[in-house]
Structures are given as structure tokens and as C-alpha cells.
Amino acid sequence: MLLACKVKFMIKAFSLLLIAFMALLAIPICIGLAGGMFGLIFGLIGGVIGLIAGLFGAVIGVMAWIFKSIFHLLFGWHWGFGFHPFHWNGFWIILLIIVIVAISQRKK
């Protein structure tokens, strides 16, 4: 009888030790997986925000390129941030003269 009680107690103690050991292994793994999923979700959200910001920047860049091309054709501005004096292209001067003559002839 005493031996049976000791065996029962040993089985209960062993099962508690086994459950504690499994929890000791499983809880850090679960915490690590949860942290990894958290990082993955926020990384994907950050990637989507970066993609939207990149597309916005590309649209602004295309608009700036269009205006830069227009000013380059009109005034002869070039690359760089230095001051470049205004100088008209010969084609634009002739076109301006033709437009002024056409407008002045239309009013008469």
C-alpha cells in the first residue's frame, strides 16, 4: 500500500515536472512567434506606406520634370542651382513676334 502511494505521488510529480518543462519550452517559442508576427505585420504596413510615398514622389518628380523642361525651352535654364541669366532661344523670339503681329492684326 505504501509503495502504491509513493508510485502515485511520483507519477503526479513527474507529470507536473513534464508539464512545467513543456511550458518552459513552449512559452518562449510562442512569445518569439508572436513577436515575429508583430514585426511582420508592421513591416508590411511600413512597406505599403513606403510604396505609396514612392509613387507620390514619382508623380511629383514627373510634374517637376515637365515644368523644368518648359522653363528650359523658354528661358534656357540649365542644370544646377546657380544663377543663369535669361537668354531667349531664336525660335521663341520669332514665335513671339508672330503672335504679337497676329494679335495686333486681328484687332484692326
PDB file of N, CA and C in Angstrom:
ATOM      1  N   MET A   1       0.814  -1.187   0.000  1.00  0.00           N
ATOM      2  CA  MET A   1       0.000   0.000   0.000  1.00  0.00           C
ATOM      3  C   MET A   1       0.864   1.259   0.000  1.00  0.00           C
ATOM      4  N   LEU A   2       1.875   1.251   0.820  1.00  0.00           N
ATOM      5  CA  LEU A   2       2.770   2.390   0.898  1.00  0.00           C
ATOM      6  C   LEU A   2       3.501   2.584  -0.413  1.00  0.00           C
ATOM      7  N   LEU A   3       3.860   1.492  -1.039  1.00  0.00           N
ATOM      8  CA  LEU A   3       4.548   1.562  -2.327  1.00  0.00           C
ATOM      9  C   LEU A   3       3.634   2.127  -3.409  1.00  0.00           C
ATOM     10  N   ALA A   4       2.371   1.776  -3.368  1.00  0.00           N
ATOM     11  CA  ALA A   4       1.410   2.280  -4.340  1.00  0.00           C
ATOM     12  C   ALA A   4       1.223   3.783  -4.169  1.00  0.00           C
ATOM     13  N   CYS A   5       1.214   4.273  -2.938  1.00  0.00           N
ATOM     14  CA  CYS A   5       1.084   5.709  -2.693  1.00  0.00           C
ATOM     15  C   CYS A   5       2.305   6.457  -3.195  1.00  0.00           C
ATOM     16  N   LYS A   6       3.482   5.858  -2.973  1.00  0.00           N
ATOM     17  CA  LYS A   6       4.696   6.502  -3.443  1.00  0.00           C
ATOM     18  C   LYS A   6       4.730   6.554  -4.967  1.00  0.00           C
ATOM     19  N   VAL A   7       4.269   5.483  -5.627  1.00  0.00           N
ATOM     20  CA  VAL A   7       4.261   5.455  -7.095  1.00  0.00           C
ATOM     21  C   VAL A   7       3.275   6.496  -7.626  1.00  0.00           C
ATOM     22  N   LYS A   8       2.115   6.574  -6.993  1.00  0.00           N
ATOM     23  CA  LYS A   8       1.128   7.573  -7.410  1.00  0.00           C
ATOM     24  C   LYS A   8       1.686   8.984  -7.253  1.00  0.00           C
ATOM     25  N   PHE A   9       2.328   9.257  -6.140  1.00  0.00           N
ATOM     26  CA  PHE A   9       2.915  10.568  -5.897  1.00  0.00           C
ATOM     27  C   PHE A   9       4.024  10.866  -6.905  1.00  0.00           C
ATOM     28  N   MET A  10       4.826   9.853  -7.244  1.00  0.00           N
ATOM     29  CA  MET A  10       5.904  10.039  -8.207  1.00  0.00           C
ATOM     30  C   MET A  10       5.346  10.323  -9.598  1.00  0.00           C
ATOM     31  N   ILE A  11       4.255   9.665  -9.952  1.00  0.00           N
ATOM     32  CA  ILE A  11       3.642   9.895 -11.261  1.00  0.00           C
ATOM     33  C   ILE A  11       3.082  11.309 -11.323  1.00  0.00           C
ATOM     34  N   LYS A  12       2.426  11.754 -10.249  1.00  0.00           N
ATOM     35  CA  LYS A  12       1.895  13.131 -10.222  1.00  0.00           C
ATOM     36  C   LYS A  12       3.031  14.142 -10.295  1.00  0.00           C
ATOM     37  N   ALA A  13       4.082  13.904  -9.559  1.00  0.00           N
ATOM     38  CA  ALA A  13       5.216  14.831  -9.564  1.00  0.00           C
ATOM     39  C   ALA A  13       5.888  14.843 -10.934  1.00  0.00           C
ATOM     40  N   PHE A  14       6.016  13.646 -11.522  1.00  0.00           N
ATOM     41  CA  PHE A  14       6.633  13.585 -12.849  1.00  0.00           C
ATOM     42  C   PHE A  14       5.768  14.293 -13.887  1.00  0.00           C
ATOM     43  N   SER A  15       4.451  14.142 -13.794  1.00  0.00           N
ATOM     44  CA  SER A  15       3.581  14.809 -14.756  1.00  0.00           C
ATOM     45  C   SER A  15       3.642  16.328 -14.578  1.00  0.00           C
ATOM     46  N   LEU A  16       3.725  16.790 -13.334  1.00  0.00           N
ATOM     47  CA  LEU A  16       3.872  18.227 -13.105  1.00  0.00           C
ATOM     48  C   LEU A  16       5.203  18.729 -13.655  1.00  0.00           C
ATOM     49  N   LEU A  17       6.270  17.952 -13.439  1.00  0.00           N
ATOM     50  CA  LEU A  17       7.568  18.328 -13.986  1.00  0.00           C
ATOM     51  C   LEU A  17       7.546  18.329 -15.516  1.00  0.00           C
ATOM     52  N   LEU A  18       6.879  17.353 -16.094  1.00  0.00           N
ATOM     53  CA  LEU A  18       6.791  17.272 -17.556  1.00  0.00           C
ATOM     54  C   LEU A  18       6.000  18.460 -18.120  1.00  0.00           C
ATOM     55  N   ILE A  19       4.898  18.813 -17.483  1.00  0.00           N
ATOM     56  CA  ILE A  19       4.110  19.967 -17.926  1.00  0.00           C
ATOM     57  C   ILE A  19       4.910  21.260 -17.761  1.00  0.00           C
ATOM     58  N   ALA A  20       5.613  21.398 -16.654  1.00  0.00           N
ATOM     59  CA  ALA A  20       6.428  22.591 -16.432  1.00  0.00           C
ATOM     60  C   ALA A  20       7.548  22.683 -17.468  1.00  0.00           C
ATOM     61  N   PHE A  21       8.174  21.521 -17.777  1.00  0.00           N
ATOM     62  CA  PHE A  21       9.240  21.523 -18.779  1.00  0.00           C
ATOM     63  C   PHE A  21       8.693  21.882 -20.160  1.00  0.00           C
ATOM     64  N   MET A  22       7.540  21.366 -20.519  1.00  0.00           N
ATOM     65  CA  MET A  22       6.932  21.697 -21.812  1.00  0.00           C
ATOM     66  C   MET A  22       6.551  23.178 -21.872  1.00  0.00           C
ATOM     67  N   ALA A  23       6.055  23.708 -20.766  1.00  0.00           N
ATOM     68  CA  ALA A  23       5.715  25.136 -20.724  1.00  0.00           C
ATOM     69  C   ALA A  23       6.976  25.981 -20.803  1.00  0.00           C
ATOM     70  N   LEU A  24       8.053  25.497 -20.151  1.00  0.00           N
ATOM     71  CA  LEU A  24       9.317  26.207 -20.200  1.00  0.00           C
ATOM     72  C   LEU A  24       9.843  26.301 -21.628  1.00  0.00           C
ATOM     73  N   LEU A  25       9.575  25.284 -22.420  1.00  0.00           N
ATOM     74  CA  LEU A  25       9.994  25.316 -23.818  1.00  0.00           C
ATOM     75  C   LEU A  25       8.984  26.042 -24.705  1.00  0.00           C
ATOM     76  N   ALA A  26       7.705  25.877 -24.450  1.00  0.00           N
ATOM     77  CA  ALA A  26       6.680  26.379 -25.359  1.00  0.00           C
ATOM     78  C   ALA A  26       6.437  27.879 -25.211  1.00  0.00           C
ATOM     79  N   ILE A  27       6.490  28.394 -23.992  1.00  0.00           N
ATOM     80  CA  ILE A  27       6.162  29.809 -23.785  1.00  0.00           C
ATOM     81  C   ILE A  27       7.155  30.728 -24.501  1.00  0.00           C
ATOM     82  N   PRO A  28       8.468  30.519 -24.408  1.00  0.00           N
ATOM     83  CA  PRO A  28       9.366  31.389 -25.182  1.00  0.00           C
ATOM     84  C   PRO A  28       9.195  31.244 -26.694  1.00  0.00           C
ATOM     85  N   ILE A  29       8.870  30.028 -27.136  1.00  0.00           N
ATOM     86  CA  ILE A  29       8.628  29.845 -28.577  1.00  0.00           C
ATOM     87  C   ILE A  29       7.388  30.622 -29.000  1.00  0.00           C
ATOM     88  N   CYS A  30       6.334  30.569 -28.183  1.00  0.00           N
ATOM     89  CA  CYS A  30       5.108  31.318 -28.503  1.00  0.00           C
ATOM     90  C   CYS A  30       5.358  32.825 -28.477  1.00  0.00           C
ATOM     91  N   ILE A  31       6.134  33.278 -27.511  1.00  0.00           N
ATOM     92  CA  ILE A  31       6.451  34.711 -27.436  1.00  0.00           C
ATOM     93  C   ILE A  31       7.272  35.121 -28.661  1.00  0.00           C
ATOM     94  N   GLY A  32       8.226  34.286 -29.041  1.00  0.00           N
ATOM     95  CA  GLY A  32       9.031  34.586 -30.229  1.00  0.00           C
ATOM     96  C   GLY A  32       8.203  34.607 -31.504  1.00  0.00           C
ATOM     97  N   LEU A  33       7.289  33.653 -31.645  1.00  0.00           N
ATOM     98  CA  LEU A  33       6.417  33.641 -32.824  1.00  0.00           C
ATOM     99  C   LEU A  33       5.491  34.854 -32.842  1.00  0.00           C
ATOM    100  N   ALA A  34       4.965  35.212 -31.663  1.00  0.00           N
ATOM    101  CA  ALA A  34       4.097  36.398 -31.597  1.00  0.00           C
ATOM    102  C   ALA A  34       4.879  37.659 -31.955  1.00  0.00           C
ATOM    103  N   GLY A  35       6.109  37.754 -31.445  1.00  0.00           N
ATOM    104  CA  GLY A  35       6.932  38.915 -31.796  1.00  0.00           C
ATOM    105  C   GLY A  35       7.273  38.944 -33.279  1.00  0.00           C
ATOM    106  N   GLY A  36       7.536  37.774 -33.836  1.00  0.00           N
ATOM    107  CA  GLY A  36       7.817  37.708 -35.270  1.00  0.00           C
ATOM    108  C   GLY A  36       6.620  38.105 -36.110  1.00  0.00           C
ATOM    109  N   MET A  37       5.440  37.650 -35.726  1.00  0.00           N
ATOM    110  CA  MET A  37       4.226  38.038 -36.457  1.00  0.00           C
ATOM    111  C   MET A  37       3.961  39.537 -36.317  1.00  0.00           C
ATOM    112  N   PHE A  38       4.193  40.065 -35.126  1.00  0.00           N
ATOM    113  CA  PHE A  38       4.043  41.505 -34.894  1.00  0.00           C
ATOM    114  C   PHE A  38       4.985  42.290 -35.810  1.00  0.00           C
ATOM    115  N   GLY A  39       6.238  41.859 -35.860  1.00  0.00           N
ATOM    116  CA  GLY A  39       7.208  42.525 -36.730  1.00  0.00           C
ATOM    117  C   GLY A  39       6.859  42.385 -38.194  1.00  0.00           C
ATOM    118  N   LEU A  40       6.368  41.227 -38.589  1.00  0.00           N
ATOM    119  CA  LEU A  40       5.977  41.012 -39.985  1.00  0.00           C
ATOM    120  C   LEU A  40       4.819  41.922 -40.381  1.00  0.00           C
ATOM    121  N   ILE A  41       3.833  42.020 -39.520  1.00  0.00           N
ATOM    122  CA  ILE A  41       2.666  42.860 -39.831  1.00  0.00           C
ATOM    123  C   ILE A  41       3.075  44.326 -39.955  1.00  0.00           C
ATOM    124  N   PHE A  42       3.861  44.811 -38.985  1.00  0.00           N
ATOM    125  CA  PHE A  42       4.263  46.218 -39.048  1.00  0.00           C
ATOM    126  C   PHE A  42       5.250  46.471 -40.182  1.00  0.00           C
ATOM    127  N   GLY A  43       6.048  45.467 -40.526  1.00  0.00           N
ATOM    128  CA  GLY A  43       6.941  45.608 -41.677  1.00  0.00           C
ATOM    129  C   GLY A  43       6.160  45.724 -42.977  1.00  0.00           C
ATOM    130  N   LEU A  44       5.106  44.925 -43.116  1.00  0.00           N
ATOM    131  CA  LEU A  44       4.273  45.017 -44.316  1.00  0.00           C
ATOM    132  C   LEU A  44       3.538  46.354 -44.388  1.00  0.00           C
ATOM    133  N   ILE A  45       3.052  46.815 -43.245  1.00  0.00           N
ATOM    134  CA  ILE A  45       2.384  48.126 -43.231  1.00  0.00           C
ATOM    135  C   ILE A  45       3.375  49.219 -43.610  1.00  0.00           C
ATOM    136  N   GLY A  46       4.585  49.151 -43.073  1.00  0.00           N
ATOM    137  CA  GLY A  46       5.608  50.128 -43.433  1.00  0.00           C
ATOM    138  C   GLY A  46       5.976  50.056 -44.909  1.00  0.00           C
ATOM    139  N   GLY A  47       6.007  48.836 -45.463  1.00  0.00           N
ATOM    140  CA  GLY A  47       6.290  48.696 -46.890  1.00  0.00           C
ATOM    141  C   GLY A  47       5.211  49.320 -47.753  1.00  0.00           C
ATOM    142  N   VAL A  48       3.954  49.161 -47.370  1.00  0.00           N
ATOM    143  CA  VAL A  48       2.849  49.763 -48.130  1.00  0.00           C
ATOM    144  C   VAL A  48       2.921  51.284 -48.045  1.00  0.00           C
ATOM    145  N   ILE A  49       3.225  51.806 -46.849  1.00  0.00           N
ATOM    146  CA  ILE A  49       3.366  53.262 -46.700  1.00  0.00           C
ATOM    147  C   ILE A  49       4.525  53.768 -47.557  1.00  0.00           C
ATOM    148  N   GLY A  50       5.633  53.024 -47.579  1.00  0.00           N
ATOM    149  CA  GLY A  50       6.772  53.401 -48.415  1.00  0.00           C
ATOM    150  C   GLY A  50       6.443  53.361 -49.894  1.00  0.00           C
ATOM    151  N   LEU A  51       5.650  52.372 -50.304  1.00  0.00           N
ATOM    152  CA  LEU A  51       5.245  52.280 -51.706  1.00  0.00           C
ATOM    153  C   LEU A  51       4.380  53.472 -52.099  1.00  0.00           C
ATOM    154  N   ILE A  52       3.445  53.838 -51.242  1.00  0.00           N
ATOM    155  CA  ILE A  52       2.580  54.987 -51.530  1.00  0.00           C
ATOM    156  C   ILE A  52       3.409  56.274 -51.586  1.00  0.00           C
ATOM    157  N   ALA A  53       4.332  56.433 -50.639  1.00  0.00           N
ATOM    158  CA  ALA A  53       5.175  57.628 -50.643  1.00  0.00           C
ATOM    159  C   ALA A  53       6.073  57.665 -51.881  1.00  0.00           C
ATOM    160  N   GLY A  54       6.566  56.507 -52.315  1.00  0.00           N
ATOM    161  CA  GLY A  54       7.386  56.454 -53.517  1.00  0.00           C
ATOM    162  C   GLY A  54       6.602  56.820 -54.768  1.00  0.00           C
ATOM    163  N   LEU A  55       5.377  56.335 -54.870  1.00  0.00           N
ATOM    164  CA  LEU A  55       4.538  56.703 -56.014  1.00  0.00           C
ATOM    165  C   LEU A  55       4.216  58.200 -56.000  1.00  0.00           C
ATOM    166  N   PHE A  56       3.942  58.732 -54.812  1.00  0.00           N
ATOM    167  CA  PHE A  56       3.684  60.168 -54.683  1.00  0.00           C
ATOM    168  C   PHE A  56       4.913  60.965 -55.118  1.00  0.00           C
ATOM    169  N   GLY A  57       6.079  60.531 -54.698  1.00  0.00           N
ATOM    170  CA  GLY A  57       7.313  61.198 -55.096  1.00  0.00           C
ATOM    171  C   GLY A  57       7.571  61.107 -56.589  1.00  0.00           C
ATOM    172  N   ALA A  58       7.221  59.961 -57.184  1.00  0.00           N
ATOM    173  CA  ALA A  58       7.400  59.815 -58.632  1.00  0.00           C
ATOM    174  C   ALA A  58       6.475  60.762 -59.394  1.00  0.00           C
ATOM    175  N   VAL A  59       5.243  60.916 -58.939  1.00  0.00           N
ATOM    176  CA  VAL A  59       4.306  61.832 -59.593  1.00  0.00           C
ATOM    177  C   VAL A  59       4.814  63.267 -59.484  1.00  0.00           C
ATOM    178  N   ILE A  60       5.274  63.650 -58.292  1.00  0.00           N
ATOM    179  CA  ILE A  60       5.828  64.996 -58.109  1.00  0.00           C
ATOM    180  C   ILE A  60       7.064  65.180 -58.996  1.00  0.00           C
ATOM    181  N   GLY A  61       7.893  64.144 -59.104  1.00  0.00           N
ATOM    182  CA  GLY A  61       9.081  64.225 -59.948  1.00  0.00           C
ATOM    183  C   GLY A  61       8.747  64.407 -61.415  1.00  0.00           C
ATOM    184  N   VAL A  62       7.717  63.731 -61.899  1.00  0.00           N
ATOM    185  CA  VAL A  62       7.297  63.892 -63.295  1.00  0.00           C
ATOM    186  C   VAL A  62       6.770  65.301 -63.529  1.00  0.00           C
ATOM    187  N   MET A  63       5.989  65.813 -62.584  1.00  0.00           N
ATOM    188  CA  MET A  63       5.481  67.184 -62.732  1.00  0.00           C
ATOM    189  C   MET A  63       6.634  68.190 -62.723  1.00  0.00           C
ATOM    190  N   ALA A  64       7.610  67.983 -61.856  1.00  0.00           N
ATOM    191  CA  ALA A  64       8.764  68.882 -61.814  1.00  0.00           C
ATOM    192  C   ALA A  64       9.568  68.791 -63.104  1.00  0.00           C
ATOM    193  N   TRP A  65       9.677  67.588 -63.660  1.00  0.00           N
ATOM    194  CA  TRP A  65      10.411  67.412 -64.928  1.00  0.00           C
ATOM    195  C   TRP A  65       9.717  68.165 -66.059  1.00  0.00           C
ATOM    196  N   ILE A  66       8.382  68.128 -66.073  1.00  0.00           N
ATOM    197  CA  ILE A  66       7.626  68.845 -67.118  1.00  0.00           C
ATOM    198  C   ILE A  66       7.878  70.346 -67.003  1.00  0.00           C
ATOM    199  N   PHE A  67       7.752  70.904 -65.786  1.00  0.00           N
ATOM    200  CA  PHE A  67       7.971  72.337 -65.619  1.00  0.00           C
ATOM    201  C   PHE A  67       9.425  72.716 -65.888  1.00  0.00           C
ATOM    202  N   LYS A  68      10.356  71.866 -65.514  1.00  0.00           N
ATOM    203  CA  LYS A  68      11.767  72.143 -65.778  1.00  0.00           C
ATOM    204  C   LYS A  68      12.018  72.183 -67.289  1.00  0.00           C
ATOM    205  N   SER A  69      11.383  71.277 -68.012  1.00  0.00           N
ATOM    206  CA  SER A  69      11.545  71.267 -69.466  1.00  0.00           C
ATOM    207  C   SER A  69      10.957  72.520 -70.098  1.00  0.00           C
ATOM    208  N   ILE A  70       9.805  72.951 -69.594  1.00  0.00           N
ATOM    209  CA  ILE A  70       9.181  74.166 -70.127  1.00  0.00           C
ATOM    210  C   ILE A  70      10.081  75.375 -69.885  1.00  0.00           C
ATOM    211  N   PHE A  71      10.590  75.525 -68.668  1.00  0.00           N
ATOM    212  CA  PHE A  71      11.461  76.658 -68.368  1.00  0.00           C
ATOM    213  C   PHE A  71      12.782  76.574 -69.129  1.00  0.00           C
ATOM    214  N   HIS A  72      13.241  75.368 -69.363  1.00  0.00           N
ATOM    215  CA  HIS A  72      14.482  75.228 -70.133  1.00  0.00           C
ATOM    216  C   HIS A  72      14.259  75.674 -71.580  1.00  0.00           C
ATOM    217  N   LEU A  73      13.100  75.318 -72.128  1.00  0.00           N
ATOM    218  CA  LEU A  73      12.815  75.735 -73.506  1.00  0.00           C
ATOM    219  C   LEU A  73      12.573  77.236 -73.603  1.00  0.00           C
ATOM    220  N   LEU A  74      11.874  77.803 -72.614  1.00  0.00           N
ATOM    221  CA  LEU A  74      11.554  79.229 -72.685  1.00  0.00           C
ATOM    222  C   LEU A  74      12.745  80.117 -72.390  1.00  0.00           C
ATOM    223  N   PHE A  75      13.432  79.849 -71.290  1.00  0.00           N
ATOM    224  CA  PHE A  75      14.455  80.763 -70.810  1.00  0.00           C
ATOM    225  C   PHE A  75      15.872  80.227 -70.938  1.00  0.00           C
ATOM    226  N   GLY A  76      16.032  78.984 -71.318  1.00  0.00           N
ATOM    227  CA  GLY A  76      17.355  78.415 -71.462  1.00  0.00           C
ATOM    228  C   GLY A  76      18.016  78.081 -70.145  1.00  0.00           C
ATOM    229  N   TRP A  77      17.215  77.835 -69.084  1.00  0.00           N
ATOM    230  CA  TRP A  77      17.795  77.449 -67.806  1.00  0.00           C
ATOM    231  C   TRP A  77      18.372  76.049 -67.924  1.00  0.00           C
ATOM    232  N   HIS A  78      19.476  75.819 -67.223  1.00  0.00           N
ATOM    233  CA  HIS A  78      20.159  74.532 -67.318  1.00  0.00           C
ATOM    234  C   HIS A  78      20.187  73.873 -65.946  1.00  0.00           C
ATOM    235  N   TRP A  79      20.906  72.743 -65.881  1.00  0.00           N
ATOM    236  CA  TRP A  79      21.047  72.009 -64.617  1.00  0.00           C
ATOM    237  C   TRP A  79      21.795  72.865 -63.608  1.00  0.00           C
ATOM    238  N   GLY A  80      21.590  72.583 -62.373  1.00  0.00           N
ATOM    239  CA  GLY A  80      22.338  73.245 -61.317  1.00  0.00           C
ATOM    240  C   GLY A  80      21.487  74.278 -60.617  1.00  0.00           C
ATOM    241  N   PHE A  81      21.997  74.691 -59.474  1.00  0.00           N
ATOM    242  CA  PHE A  81      21.270  75.652 -58.665  1.00  0.00           C
ATOM    243  C   PHE A  81      21.831  77.063 -58.806  1.00  0.00           C
ATOM    244  N   GLY A  82      22.847  77.242 -59.626  1.00  0.00           N
ATOM    245  CA  GLY A  82      23.430  78.564 -59.810  1.00  0.00           C
ATOM    246  C   GLY A  82      22.516  79.458 -60.636  1.00  0.00           C
ATOM    247  N   PHE A  83      22.803  80.748 -60.616  1.00  0.00           N
ATOM    248  CA  PHE A  83      22.009  81.690 -61.386  1.00  0.00           C
ATOM    249  C   PHE A  83      22.463  81.672 -62.840  1.00  0.00           C
ATOM    250  N   HIS A  84      21.524  81.474 -63.726  1.00  0.00           N
ATOM    251  CA  HIS A  84      21.815  81.526 -65.153  1.00  0.00           C
ATOM    252  C   HIS A  84      21.014  82.679 -65.741  1.00  0.00           C
ATOM    253  N   PRO A  85      21.660  83.596 -66.396  1.00  0.00           N
ATOM    254  CA  PRO A  85      20.927  84.745 -66.938  1.00  0.00           C
ATOM    255  C   PRO A  85      19.920  84.298 -67.996  1.00  0.00           C
ATOM    256  N   PHE A  86      18.865  85.090 -68.128  1.00  0.00           N
ATOM    257  CA  PHE A  86      17.846  84.782 -69.133  1.00  0.00           C
ATOM    258  C   PHE A  86      18.422  84.994 -70.522  1.00  0.00           C
ATOM    259  N   HIS A  87      18.203  84.038 -71.406  1.00  0.00           N
ATOM    260  CA  HIS A  87      18.512  84.247 -72.814  1.00  0.00           C
ATOM    261  C   HIS A  87      17.481  83.484 -73.621  1.00  0.00           C
ATOM    262  N   TRP A  88      16.916  84.192 -74.577  1.00  0.00           N
ATOM    263  CA  TRP A  88      15.837  83.620 -75.360  1.00  0.00           C
ATOM    264  C   TRP A  88      16.402  82.825 -76.519  1.00  0.00           C
ATOM    265  N   ASN A  89      15.710  81.797 -76.837  1.00  0.00           N
ATOM    266  CA  ASN A  89      16.023  80.989 -77.994  1.00  0.00           C
ATOM    267  C   ASN A  89      15.518  81.736 -79.237  1.00  0.00           C
ATOM    268  N   GLY A  90      16.181  81.622 -80.347  1.00  0.00           N
ATOM    269  CA  GLY A  90      15.760  82.330 -81.557  1.00  0.00           C
ATOM    270  C   GLY A  90      14.376  81.913 -82.027  1.00  0.00           C
ATOM    271  N   PHE A  91      14.061  80.638 -81.890  1.00  0.00           N
ATOM    272  CA  PHE A  91      12.742  80.137 -82.292  1.00  0.00           C
ATOM    273  C   PHE A  91      11.642  80.811 -81.491  1.00  0.00           C
ATOM    274  N   TRP A  92      11.831  80.973 -80.182  1.00  0.00           N
ATOM    275  CA  TRP A  92      10.797  81.561 -79.347  1.00  0.00           C
ATOM    276  C   TRP A  92      10.647  83.062 -79.610  1.00  0.00           C
ATOM    277  N   ILE A  93      11.727  83.727 -79.956  1.00  0.00           N
ATOM    278  CA  ILE A  93      11.633  85.150 -80.288  1.00  0.00           C
ATOM    279  C   ILE A  93      10.801  85.337 -81.557  1.00  0.00           C
ATOM    280  N   ILE A  94      11.066  84.523 -82.573  1.00  0.00           N
ATOM    281  CA  ILE A  94      10.293  84.615 -83.824  1.00  0.00           C
ATOM    282  C   ILE A  94       8.835  84.260 -83.570  1.00  0.00           C
ATOM    283  N   LEU A  95       8.596  83.231 -82.764  1.00  0.00           N
ATOM    284  CA  LEU A  95       7.221  82.846 -82.448  1.00  0.00           C
ATOM    285  C   LEU A  95       6.508  83.956 -81.689  1.00  0.00           C
ATOM    286  N   LEU A  96       7.189  84.624 -80.762  1.00  0.00           N
ATOM    287  CA  LEU A  96       6.603  85.730 -80.024  1.00  0.00           C
ATOM    288  C   LEU A  96       6.263  86.891 -80.954  1.00  0.00           C
ATOM    289  N   ILE A  97       7.138  87.190 -81.897  1.00  0.00           N
ATOM    290  CA  ILE A  97       6.875  88.270 -82.866  1.00  0.00           C
ATOM    291  C   ILE A  97       5.668  87.919 -83.725  1.00  0.00           C
ATOM    292  N   ILE A  98       5.563  86.666 -84.166  1.00  0.00           N
ATOM    293  CA  ILE A  98       4.417  86.247 -84.989  1.00  0.00           C
ATOM    294  C   ILE A  98       3.122  86.358 -84.198  1.00  0.00           C
ATOM    295  N   VAL A  99       3.132  85.971 -82.919  1.00  0.00           N
ATOM    296  CA  VAL A  99       1.926  86.061 -82.099  1.00  0.00           C
ATOM    297  C   VAL A  99       1.536  87.517 -81.879  1.00  0.00           C
ATOM    298  N   ILE A 100       2.496  88.397 -81.644  1.00  0.00           N
ATOM    299  CA  ILE A 100       2.192  89.817 -81.439  1.00  0.00           C
ATOM    300  C   ILE A 100       1.619  90.423 -82.716  1.00  0.00           C
ATOM    301  N   VAL A 101       2.191  90.081 -83.876  1.00  0.00           N
ATOM    302  CA  VAL A 101       1.664  90.597 -85.150  1.00  0.00           C
ATOM    303  C   VAL A 101       0.280  90.051 -85.405  1.00  0.00           C
ATOM    304  N   ALA A 102       0.030  88.769 -85.114  1.00  0.00           N
ATOM    305  CA  ALA A 102      -1.303  88.182 -85.341  1.00  0.00           C
ATOM    306  C   ALA A 102      -2.354  88.828 -84.451  1.00  0.00           C
ATOM    307  N   ILE A 103      -2.004  89.095 -83.200  1.00  0.00           N
ATOM    308  CA  ILE A 103      -2.970  89.713 -82.276  1.00  0.00           C
ATOM    309  C   ILE A 103      -3.230  91.161 -82.687  1.00  0.00           C
ATOM    310  N   SER A 104      -2.189  91.876 -83.096  1.00  0.00           N
ATOM    311  CA  SER A 104      -2.386  93.277 -83.488  1.00  0.00           C
ATOM    312  C   SER A 104      -3.171  93.367 -84.791  1.00  0.00           C
ATOM    313  N   GLN A 105      -3.042  92.441 -85.729  1.00  0.00           N
ATOM    314  CA  GLN A 105      -3.780  92.446 -86.971  1.00  0.00           C
ATOM    315  C   GLN A 105      -5.239  92.082 -86.752  1.00  0.00           C
ATOM    316  N   ARG A 106      -5.512  91.227 -85.756  1.00  0.00           N
ATOM    317  CA  ARG A 106      -6.883  90.793 -85.502  1.00  0.00           C
ATOM    318  C   ARG A 106      -7.726  91.941 -84.964  1.00  0.00           C
ATOM    319  N   LYS A 107      -7.166  92.865 -84.213  1.00  0.00           N
ATOM    320  CA  LYS A 107      -7.928  93.956 -83.629  1.00  0.00           C
ATOM    321  C   LYS A 107      -8.302  95.005 -84.660  1.00  0.00           C
ATOM    322  N   LYS A 108      -7.602  95.064 -85.774  1.00  0.00           N
ATOM    323  CA  LYS A 108      -7.869  96.105 -86.796  1.00  0.00           C
ATOM    324  C   LYS A 108      -8.997  95.688 -87.643  1.00  0.00           C
TER     325      LYS A 108
END
